[in-house]
Amino acid sequence: MPAAAASHTTPNHTAARLRDVVKRYGQPGRNEVFALAGVSLDIPQGEFTAVMGPSGSGKSTLMHCMAGLDTPTSGLVQLGNRDITQLGDKDLTELRRREIGFIFQAFNLIPTLTAKENIELPFALDGRKPSAEEQQWIGQLAQVLGLTERLGHRPNELSGGQQQRVAIARALATRPRIVIADEPTGNLDSRSGAEVLRLLRNAASQTGQTIVMVTHDPYAASIADRVVFLADGKISRQERGLTPQQISEIMLHDSDVQPGTAVQGGAR
């Protein structure tokens, strides 16, 4: 990945910050369910963080709150130095377009658009065309991702791995403050999945891109700088430098990351 500084930096070099974030469904005392039960987490600029946990642990809810797709019941969510829990729908939409990149398991490409048009979609949604500098960056991304010869093709003319690479280029095109990746290798074969993980790893280490990835795959999580384990809507532990085998052992046998009875349903 070509060396380039991330465009959004903050004095404290923190891309995102959560403090005592609670997401509750139902009425207090009556069918009350906590998807998040007081989560505090810092995401440093340029770090690749993996989020893991059993089904119902709150992984997706955490990502949705961090990305402004869902509003916490209480607590603080900051992107850079900006409290996004206080933003209205219009400002949140603008924030997601300009400062957050999304990579989904299902690719979410527009079938009638070419690969290049899909990559440039965030700019179109923002009502503008990429600048000359941004076009150059998109060209660099396409080259590094092996898409230069495929930019004129539509999604149905691309392999699954190529479609996910288009999705990665789209997520990185605006040089967002943070990239949210939700099971980005879930629909790929092992070879394509390993390639996608390598690209994400390089985006963090070589361009300073901040990435937060939800995954069930111990190998994918081992690529990250840090693994954050969730259980029952809370962070149970955080680790660095783990092997896939160590992650598997934690997920299978560590009581701290096993679901209990405090949180049932609602969280994913």
C-alpha atoms as a PDB file:
ATOM      1  CA  MET A   1       0.000   0.000   0.000  1.00  0.00           C
ATOM      2  CA  PRO A   2       1.534   3.390  -0.923  1.00  0.00           C
ATOM      3  CA  ALA A   3       2.793   5.388   2.014  1.00  0.00           C
ATOM      4  CA  ALA A   4       0.511   8.289   2.865  1.00  0.00           C
ATOM      5  CA  ALA A   5      -0.527   9.907   6.081  1.00  0.00           C
ATOM      6  CA  ALA A   6      -4.109   9.570   7.210  1.00  0.00           C
ATOM      7  CA  SER A   7      -5.976  12.771   6.507  1.00  0.00           C
ATOM      8  CA  HIS A   8      -7.773  12.965   9.855  1.00  0.00           C
ATOM      9  CA  THR A   9      -5.575  13.198  12.917  1.00  0.00           C
ATOM     10  CA  THR A  10      -6.196  14.518  16.396  1.00  0.00           C
ATOM     11  CA  PRO A  11      -3.813  15.992  18.971  1.00  0.00           C
ATOM     12  CA  ASN A  12      -4.175  12.948  21.194  1.00  0.00           C
ATOM     13  CA  HIS A  13      -3.921  10.545  18.238  1.00  0.00           C
ATOM     14  CA  THR A  14      -7.160   8.824  19.228  1.00  0.00           C
ATOM     15  CA  ALA A  15      -9.463   7.931  16.356  1.00  0.00           C
ATOM     16  CA  ALA A  16     -12.434   6.919  18.521  1.00  0.00           C
ATOM     17  CA  ARG A  17     -13.294   6.856  22.199  1.00  0.00           C
ATOM     18  CA  LEU A  18     -16.168   5.218  24.063  1.00  0.00           C
ATOM     19  CA  ARG A  19     -16.927   5.925  27.711  1.00  0.00           C
ATOM     20  CA  ASP A  20     -19.470   3.961  29.777  1.00  0.00           C
ATOM     21  CA  VAL A  21     -21.563   3.187  26.691  1.00  0.00           C
ATOM     22  CA  VAL A  22     -24.867   1.490  27.487  1.00  0.00           C
ATOM     23  CA  LYS A  23     -27.398   0.254  24.956  1.00  0.00           C
ATOM     24  CA  ARG A  24     -30.624  -0.911  26.553  1.00  0.00           C
ATOM     25  CA  TYR A  25     -33.718  -2.355  24.953  1.00  0.00           C
ATOM     26  CA  GLY A  26     -37.081  -2.512  26.686  1.00  0.00           C
ATOM     27  CA  GLN A  27     -38.281  -0.574  29.710  1.00  0.00           C
ATOM     28  CA  PRO A  28     -36.238  -0.388  32.937  1.00  0.00           C
ATOM     29  CA  GLY A  29     -37.307  -3.209  35.192  1.00  0.00           C
ATOM     30  CA  ARG A  30     -39.599  -4.739  32.577  1.00  0.00           C
ATOM     31  CA  ASN A  31     -38.101  -6.996  29.890  1.00  0.00           C
ATOM     32  CA  GLU A  32     -34.920  -4.964  30.172  1.00  0.00           C
ATOM     33  CA  VAL A  33     -32.079  -6.157  27.916  1.00  0.00           C
ATOM     34  CA  PHE A  34     -28.591  -4.686  27.798  1.00  0.00           C
ATOM     35  CA  ALA A  35     -26.820  -5.095  24.470  1.00  0.00           C
ATOM     36  CA  LEU A  36     -23.951  -3.003  25.875  1.00  0.00           C
ATOM     37  CA  ALA A  37     -23.530  -2.744  29.618  1.00  0.00           C
ATOM     38  CA  GLY A  38     -20.989   0.028  30.167  1.00  0.00           C
ATOM     39  CA  VAL A  39     -18.257  -0.230  27.538  1.00  0.00           C
ATOM     40  CA  SER A  40     -15.191   2.030  27.660  1.00  0.00           C
ATOM     41  CA  LEU A  41     -12.662   1.695  24.850  1.00  0.00           C
ATOM     42  CA  ASP A  42     -10.014   3.820  23.116  1.00  0.00           C
ATOM     43  CA  ILE A  43      -9.125   3.216  19.462  1.00  0.00           C
ATOM     44  CA  PRO A  44      -5.694   4.763  18.745  1.00  0.00           C
ATOM     45  CA  GLN A  45      -5.072   6.382  15.378  1.00  0.00           C
ATOM     46  CA  GLY A  46      -3.497   3.901  12.983  1.00  0.00           C
ATOM     47  CA  GLU A  47      -4.262   0.782  15.017  1.00  0.00           C
ATOM     48  CA  PHE A  48      -5.876  -2.367  13.681  1.00  0.00           C
ATOM     49  CA  THR A  49      -8.291  -3.652  16.343  1.00  0.00           C
ATOM     50  CA  ALA A  50     -10.218  -6.918  16.153  1.00  0.00           C
ATOM     51  CA  VAL A  51     -13.419  -7.370  18.173  1.00  0.00           C
ATOM     52  CA  MET A  52     -14.430 -10.896  19.107  1.00  0.00           C
ATOM     53  CA  GLY A  53     -17.009 -12.568  21.308  1.00  0.00           C
ATOM     54  CA  PRO A  54     -19.731 -15.206  21.313  1.00  0.00           C
ATOM     55  CA  SER A  55     -23.093 -14.616  19.686  1.00  0.00           C
ATOM     56  CA  GLY A  56     -25.028 -12.150  21.818  1.00  0.00           C
ATOM     57  CA  SER A  57     -21.909 -10.472  23.227  1.00  0.00           C
ATOM     58  CA  GLY A  58     -22.682  -7.051  21.726  1.00  0.00           C
ATOM     59  CA  LYS A  59     -20.101  -6.908  18.930  1.00  0.00           C
ATOM     60  CA  SER A  60     -22.387  -5.526  16.223  1.00  0.00           C
ATOM     61  CA  THR A  61     -24.075  -3.120  18.627  1.00  0.00           C
ATOM     62  CA  LEU A  62     -20.669  -1.778  19.617  1.00  0.00           C
ATOM     63  CA  MET A  63     -19.718  -1.231  15.982  1.00  0.00           C
ATOM     64  CA  HIS A  64     -23.047   0.407  15.164  1.00  0.00           C
ATOM     65  CA  CYS A  65     -22.688   2.852  18.052  1.00  0.00           C
ATOM     66  CA  MET A  66     -19.085   3.623  17.123  1.00  0.00           C
ATOM     67  CA  ALA A  67     -20.087   4.299  13.505  1.00  0.00           C
ATOM     68  CA  GLY A  68     -23.108   6.441  14.323  1.00  0.00           C
ATOM     69  CA  LEU A  69     -25.512   3.838  12.954  1.00  0.00           C
ATOM     70  CA  ASP A  70     -27.121   3.430  16.378  1.00  0.00           C
ATOM     71  CA  THR A  71     -27.456   5.741  19.382  1.00  0.00           C
ATOM     72  CA  PRO A  72     -26.444   4.564  22.859  1.00  0.00           C
ATOM     73  CA  THR A  73     -28.963   4.752  25.690  1.00  0.00           C
ATOM     74  CA  SER A  74     -26.250   6.514  27.685  1.00  0.00           C
ATOM     75  CA  GLY A  75     -22.531   7.139  27.589  1.00  0.00           C
ATOM     76  CA  LEU A  76     -20.134   8.972  25.295  1.00  0.00           C
ATOM     77  CA  VAL A  77     -18.983   8.087  21.789  1.00  0.00           C
ATOM     78  CA  GLN A  78     -16.351  10.354  20.268  1.00  0.00           C
ATOM     79  CA  LEU A  79     -14.897  10.294  16.780  1.00  0.00           C
ATOM     80  CA  GLY A  80     -11.692  12.236  17.142  1.00  0.00           C
ATOM     81  CA  ASN A  81     -12.672  15.012  19.534  1.00  0.00           C
ATOM     82  CA  ARG A  82     -16.309  15.149  18.396  1.00  0.00           C
ATOM     83  CA  ASP A  83     -19.130  13.743  20.508  1.00  0.00           C
ATOM     84  CA  ILE A  84     -21.252  11.963  17.898  1.00  0.00           C
ATOM     85  CA  THR A  85     -23.994  11.017  20.366  1.00  0.00           C
ATOM     86  CA  GLN A  86     -25.165  14.646  20.202  1.00  0.00           C
ATOM     87  CA  LEU A  87     -25.466  14.784  16.418  1.00  0.00           C
ATOM     88  CA  GLY A  88     -28.742  14.796  14.491  1.00  0.00           C
ATOM     89  CA  ASP A  89     -29.541  12.551  11.542  1.00  0.00           C
ATOM     90  CA  LYS A  90     -28.242  14.990   8.918  1.00  0.00           C
ATOM     91  CA  ASP A  91     -24.905  15.502  10.665  1.00  0.00           C
ATOM     92  CA  LEU A  92     -24.539  11.766  11.292  1.00  0.00           C
ATOM     93  CA  THR A  93     -25.143  11.021   7.617  1.00  0.00           C
ATOM     94  CA  GLU A  94     -22.474  13.554   6.655  1.00  0.00           C
ATOM     95  CA  LEU A  95     -20.103  12.115   9.246  1.00  0.00           C
ATOM     96  CA  ARG A  96     -20.505   8.578   7.905  1.00  0.00           C
ATOM     97  CA  ARG A  97     -19.881   9.745   4.349  1.00  0.00           C
ATOM     98  CA  ARG A  98     -16.750  11.723   5.151  1.00  0.00           C
ATOM     99  CA  GLU A  99     -15.088  10.167   8.169  1.00  0.00           C
ATOM    100  CA  ILE A 100     -16.088   6.500   8.323  1.00  0.00           C
ATOM    101  CA  GLY A 101     -15.386   3.757   5.803  1.00  0.00           C
ATOM    102  CA  PHE A 102     -17.430   0.556   5.827  1.00  0.00           C
ATOM    103  CA  ILE A 103     -16.463  -2.926   4.660  1.00  0.00           C
ATOM    104  CA  PHE A 104     -19.262  -5.489   4.839  1.00  0.00           C
ATOM    105  CA  GLN A 105     -19.306  -9.252   4.556  1.00  0.00           C
ATOM    106  CA  ALA A 106     -21.823  -8.987   1.700  1.00  0.00           C
ATOM    107  CA  PHE A 107     -19.696  -6.420  -0.238  1.00  0.00           C
ATOM    108  CA  ASN A 108     -22.769  -4.132  -0.760  1.00  0.00           C
ATOM    109  CA  LEU A 109     -21.663  -3.013  -4.222  1.00  0.00           C
ATOM    110  CA  ILE A 110     -24.174  -1.335  -6.544  1.00  0.00           C
ATOM    111  CA  PRO A 111     -24.701  -3.873  -9.373  1.00  0.00           C
ATOM    112  CA  THR A 112     -25.395  -1.261 -12.077  1.00  0.00           C
ATOM    113  CA  LEU A 113     -22.182   0.676 -11.371  1.00  0.00           C
ATOM    114  CA  THR A 114     -18.683  -0.178 -12.538  1.00  0.00           C
ATOM    115  CA  ALA A 115     -15.945  -0.936 -10.051  1.00  0.00           C
ATOM    116  CA  LYS A 116     -14.600   2.612 -10.432  1.00  0.00           C
ATOM    117  CA  GLU A 117     -18.052   4.112  -9.919  1.00  0.00           C
ATOM    118  CA  ASN A 118     -18.557   1.976  -6.815  1.00  0.00           C
ATOM    119  CA  ILE A 119     -15.219   3.131  -5.420  1.00  0.00           C
ATOM    120  CA  GLU A 120     -16.192   6.764  -6.046  1.00  0.00           C
ATOM    121  CA  LEU A 121     -19.695   6.329  -4.606  1.00  0.00           C
ATOM    122  CA  PRO A 122     -18.925   8.095  -1.277  1.00  0.00           C
ATOM    123  CA  PHE A 123     -17.963  11.205  -3.235  1.00  0.00           C
ATOM    124  CA  ALA A 124     -21.131  11.046  -5.354  1.00  0.00           C
ATOM    125  CA  LEU A 125     -23.281  10.688  -2.236  1.00  0.00           C
ATOM    126  CA  ASP A 126     -21.507  13.738  -0.845  1.00  0.00           C
ATOM    127  CA  GLY A 127     -22.496  15.696  -3.954  1.00  0.00           C
ATOM    128  CA  ARG A 128     -19.030  16.148  -5.403  1.00  0.00           C
ATOM    129  CA  LYS A 129     -16.399  14.591  -7.630  1.00  0.00           C
ATOM    130  CA  PRO A 130     -12.997  13.454  -6.367  1.00  0.00           C
ATOM    131  CA  SER A 131     -10.312  16.126  -6.603  1.00  0.00           C
ATOM    132  CA  ALA A 132      -7.185  15.557  -8.679  1.00  0.00           C
ATOM    133  CA  GLU A 133      -5.339  14.469  -5.533  1.00  0.00           C
ATOM    134  CA  GLU A 134      -8.160  12.122  -4.589  1.00  0.00           C
ATOM    135  CA  GLN A 135      -8.236  10.662  -8.102  1.00  0.00           C
ATOM    136  CA  GLN A 136      -4.526   9.988  -7.791  1.00  0.00           C
ATOM    137  CA  TRP A 137      -5.103   8.238  -4.458  1.00  0.00           C
ATOM    138  CA  ILE A 138      -7.907   6.129  -5.963  1.00  0.00           C
ATOM    139  CA  GLY A 139      -5.571   5.188  -8.793  1.00  0.00           C
ATOM    140  CA  GLN A 140      -2.923   4.128  -6.263  1.00  0.00           C
ATOM    141  CA  LEU A 141      -5.471   2.059  -4.381  1.00  0.00           C
ATOM    142  CA  ALA A 142      -6.628   0.365  -7.575  1.00  0.00           C
ATOM    143  CA  GLN A 143      -3.045  -0.474  -8.495  1.00  0.00           C
ATOM    144  CA  VAL A 144      -2.144  -1.865  -5.082  1.00  0.00           C
ATOM    145  CA  LEU A 145      -5.392  -3.843  -4.898  1.00  0.00           C
ATOM    146  CA  GLY A 146      -4.906  -5.292  -8.375  1.00  0.00           C
ATOM    147  CA  LEU A 147      -8.004  -3.592  -9.787  1.00  0.00           C
ATOM    148  CA  THR A 148      -6.544  -1.317 -12.454  1.00  0.00           C
ATOM    149  CA  GLU A 149      -7.622  -3.592 -15.293  1.00  0.00           C
ATOM    150  CA  ARG A 150     -11.040  -4.239 -13.743  1.00  0.00           C
ATOM    151  CA  LEU A 151     -12.256  -0.698 -13.033  1.00  0.00           C
ATOM    152  CA  GLY A 152     -14.634  -0.730 -15.994  1.00  0.00           C
ATOM    153  CA  HIS A 153     -16.288  -4.005 -14.961  1.00  0.00           C
ATOM    154  CA  ARG A 154     -19.517  -4.354 -13.024  1.00  0.00           C
ATOM    155  CA  PRO A 155     -19.721  -6.502  -9.854  1.00  0.00           C
ATOM    156  CA  ASN A 156     -21.209  -9.527 -11.660  1.00  0.00           C
ATOM    157  CA  GLU A 157     -18.099  -9.593 -13.847  1.00  0.00           C
ATOM    158  CA  LEU A 158     -15.772  -9.783 -10.840  1.00  0.00           C
ATOM    159  CA  SER A 159     -14.805 -12.656  -8.561  1.00  0.00           C
ATOM    160  CA  GLY A 160     -15.742 -12.569  -4.884  1.00  0.00           C
ATOM    161  CA  GLY A 161     -12.217 -11.552  -3.931  1.00  0.00           C
ATOM    162  CA  GLN A 162     -12.210  -8.772  -6.522  1.00  0.00           C
ATOM    163  CA  GLN A 163     -15.570  -7.500  -5.292  1.00  0.00           C
ATOM    164  CA  GLN A 164     -14.263  -7.336  -1.726  1.00  0.00           C
ATOM    165  CA  ARG A 165     -11.182  -5.476  -2.954  1.00  0.00           C
ATOM    166  CA  VAL A 166     -13.488  -2.937  -4.621  1.00  0.00           C
ATOM    167  CA  ALA A 167     -15.288  -2.604  -1.278  1.00  0.00           C
ATOM    168  CA  ILE A 168     -11.947  -2.022   0.466  1.00  0.00           C
ATOM    169  CA  ALA A 169     -10.962   0.623  -2.090  1.00  0.00           C
ATOM    170  CA  ARG A 170     -14.340   2.327  -1.592  1.00  0.00           C
ATOM    171  CA  ALA A 171     -13.835   2.324   2.183  1.00  0.00           C
ATOM    172  CA  LEU A 172     -10.345   3.834   1.868  1.00  0.00           C
ATOM    173  CA  ALA A 173     -11.052   6.246  -0.991  1.00  0.00           C
ATOM    174  CA  THR A 174     -11.988   9.227   1.188  1.00  0.00           C
ATOM    175  CA  ARG A 175      -9.177   8.507   3.660  1.00  0.00           C
ATOM    176  CA  PRO A 176     -11.664   8.241   6.501  1.00  0.00           C
ATOM    177  CA  ARG A 177     -10.816   8.661  10.149  1.00  0.00           C
ATOM    178  CA  ILE A 178     -11.788   5.062  10.836  1.00  0.00           C
ATOM    179  CA  VAL A 179     -12.729   1.959   8.815  1.00  0.00           C
ATOM    180  CA  ILE A 180     -15.341  -0.407  10.235  1.00  0.00           C
ATOM    181  CA  ALA A 181     -15.019  -3.945   8.853  1.00  0.00           C
ATOM    182  CA  ASP A 182     -17.828  -6.375   9.693  1.00  0.00           C
ATOM    183  CA  GLU A 183     -16.698  -9.963   8.987  1.00  0.00           C
ATOM    184  CA  PRO A 184     -14.879  -8.822   5.817  1.00  0.00           C
ATOM    185  CA  THR A 185     -13.656 -12.328   4.950  1.00  0.00           C
ATOM    186  CA  GLY A 186     -16.860 -14.191   5.810  1.00  0.00           C
ATOM    187  CA  ASN A 187     -17.946 -14.774   2.214  1.00  0.00           C
ATOM    188  CA  LEU A 188     -14.494 -15.445   0.770  1.00  0.00           C
ATOM    189  CA  ASP A 189     -12.449 -18.561   0.207  1.00  0.00           C
ATOM    190  CA  SER A 190      -9.326 -18.963   2.336  1.00  0.00           C
ATOM    191  CA  ARG A 191      -6.951 -17.577  -0.286  1.00  0.00           C
ATOM    192  CA  SER A 192      -9.042 -14.472  -1.012  1.00  0.00           C
ATOM    193  CA  GLY A 193      -9.669 -13.988   2.697  1.00  0.00           C
ATOM    194  CA  ALA A 194      -5.949 -14.075   3.480  1.00  0.00           C
ATOM    195  CA  GLU A 195      -5.335 -11.524   0.730  1.00  0.00           C
ATOM    196  CA  VAL A 196      -8.004  -9.175   2.115  1.00  0.00           C
ATOM    197  CA  LEU A 197      -6.502  -9.433   5.605  1.00  0.00           C
ATOM    198  CA  ARG A 198      -3.065  -8.634   4.222  1.00  0.00           C
ATOM    199  CA  LEU A 199      -4.461  -5.548   2.518  1.00  0.00           C
ATOM    200  CA  LEU A 200      -6.147  -4.367   5.708  1.00  0.00           C
ATOM    201  CA  ARG A 201      -2.960  -5.041   7.689  1.00  0.00           C
ATOM    202  CA  ASN A 202      -0.959  -2.961   5.199  1.00  0.00           C
ATOM    203  CA  ALA A 203      -3.524  -0.150   5.279  1.00  0.00           C
ATOM    204  CA  ALA A 204      -2.962   0.191   9.022  1.00  0.00           C
ATOM    205  CA  SER A 205       0.807  -0.298   9.133  1.00  0.00           C
ATOM    206  CA  GLN A 206       1.773   1.592   5.965  1.00  0.00           C
ATOM    207  CA  THR A 207      -0.781   4.389   5.639  1.00  0.00           C
ATOM    208  CA  GLY A 208      -1.813   4.902   9.245  1.00  0.00           C
ATOM    209  CA  GLN A 209      -5.414   3.875   8.594  1.00  0.00           C
ATOM    210  CA  THR A 210      -7.432   3.034  11.708  1.00  0.00           C
ATOM    211  CA  ILE A 211      -9.370  -0.221  11.349  1.00  0.00           C
ATOM    212  CA  VAL A 212     -11.852  -1.900  13.674  1.00  0.00           C
ATOM    213  CA  MET A 213     -12.888  -5.380  12.540  1.00  0.00           C
ATOM    214  CA  VAL A 214     -15.574  -7.660  13.941  1.00  0.00           C
ATOM    215  CA  THR A 215     -14.707 -11.288  13.285  1.00  0.00           C
ATOM    216  CA  HIS A 216     -15.328 -14.840  14.468  1.00  0.00           C
ATOM    217  CA  ASP A 217     -12.119 -16.064  12.796  1.00  0.00           C
ATOM    218  CA  PRO A 218      -9.118 -16.533  15.131  1.00  0.00           C
ATOM    219  CA  TYR A 219      -6.717 -16.277  12.191  1.00  0.00           C
ATOM    220  CA  ALA A 220      -8.233 -12.971  11.078  1.00  0.00           C
ATOM    221  CA  ALA A 221      -8.085 -11.615  14.624  1.00  0.00           C
ATOM    222  CA  SER A 222      -4.420 -12.610  14.948  1.00  0.00           C
ATOM    223  CA  ILE A 223      -3.565 -10.229  12.100  1.00  0.00           C
ATOM    224  CA  ALA A 224      -4.715  -7.258  14.197  1.00  0.00           C
ATOM    225  CA  ASP A 225      -2.579  -5.253  16.616  1.00  0.00           C
ATOM    226  CA  ARG A 226      -5.034  -5.902  19.440  1.00  0.00           C
ATOM    227  CA  VAL A 227      -7.946  -8.232  20.124  1.00  0.00           C
ATOM    228  CA  VAL A 228     -10.834  -6.939  22.244  1.00  0.00           C
ATOM    229  CA  PHE A 229     -13.022  -9.711  23.668  1.00  0.00           C
ATOM    230  CA  LEU A 230     -16.648  -9.016  24.537  1.00  0.00           C
ATOM    231  CA  ALA A 231     -19.026 -11.039  26.705  1.00  0.00           C
ATOM    232  CA  ASP A 232     -22.479 -10.086  27.954  1.00  0.00           C
ATOM    233  CA  GLY A 233     -22.188  -6.556  26.596  1.00  0.00           C
ATOM    234  CA  LYS A 234     -18.914  -5.831  28.385  1.00  0.00           C
ATOM    235  CA  ILE A 235     -15.228  -5.932  27.503  1.00  0.00           C
ATOM    236  CA  SER A 236     -13.904  -9.047  29.220  1.00  0.00           C
ATOM    237  CA  ARG A 237     -10.251  -8.733  28.201  1.00  0.00           C
ATOM    238  CA  GLN A 238      -7.870  -7.163  25.692  1.00  0.00           C
ATOM    239  CA  GLU A 239      -4.751  -8.854  24.352  1.00  0.00           C
ATOM    240  CA  ARG A 240      -1.898  -8.193  21.922  1.00  0.00           C
ATOM    241  CA  GLY A 241       0.361 -10.536  20.009  1.00  0.00           C
ATOM    242  CA  LEU A 242      -1.873 -13.600  20.160  1.00  0.00           C
ATOM    243  CA  THR A 243      -1.606 -16.536  17.781  1.00  0.00           C
ATOM    244  CA  PRO A 244      -4.730 -18.037  16.193  1.00  0.00           C
ATOM    245  CA  GLN A 245      -4.351 -21.012  18.534  1.00  0.00           C
ATOM    246  CA  GLN A 246      -4.232 -18.787  21.618  1.00  0.00           C
ATOM    247  CA  ILE A 247      -7.310 -16.873  20.452  1.00  0.00           C
ATOM    248  CA  SER A 248      -9.175 -20.131  19.887  1.00  0.00           C
ATOM    249  CA  GLU A 249      -8.275 -21.292  23.377  1.00  0.00           C
ATOM    250  CA  ILE A 250      -9.547 -18.073  24.901  1.00  0.00           C
ATOM    251  CA  MET A 251     -12.814 -18.235  22.965  1.00  0.00           C
ATOM    252  CA  LEU A 252     -13.377 -21.893  23.857  1.00  0.00           C
ATOM    253  CA  HIS A 253     -12.191 -22.150  27.425  1.00  0.00           C
ATOM    254  CA  ASP A 254     -11.755 -18.752  29.104  1.00  0.00           C
ATOM    255  CA  SER A 255     -14.702 -18.155  31.417  1.00  0.00           C
ATOM    256  CA  ASP A 256     -14.237 -14.376  31.065  1.00  0.00           C
ATOM    257  CA  VAL A 257     -15.390 -14.447  27.452  1.00  0.00           C
ATOM    258  CA  GLN A 258     -18.158 -17.002  27.825  1.00  0.00           C
ATOM    259  CA  PRO A 259     -21.758 -15.737  27.793  1.00  0.00           C
ATOM    260  CA  GLY A 260     -23.471 -15.603  31.156  1.00  0.00           C
ATOM    261  CA  THR A 261     -27.011 -14.798  32.162  1.00  0.00           C
ATOM    262  CA  ALA A 262     -26.825 -11.005  32.543  1.00  0.00           C
ATOM    263  CA  VAL A 263     -27.537 -10.284  28.894  1.00  0.00           C
ATOM    264  CA  GLN A 264     -29.909 -12.312  26.782  1.00  0.00           C
ATOM    265  CA  GLY A 265     -31.046 -11.527  23.254  1.00  0.00           C
ATOM    266  CA  GLY A 266     -30.862  -8.220  21.428  1.00  0.00           C
ATOM    267  CA  ALA A 267     -27.071  -8.038  21.264  1.00  0.00           C
ATOM    268  CA  ARG A 268     -25.045  -9.446  18.435  1.00  0.00           C
END
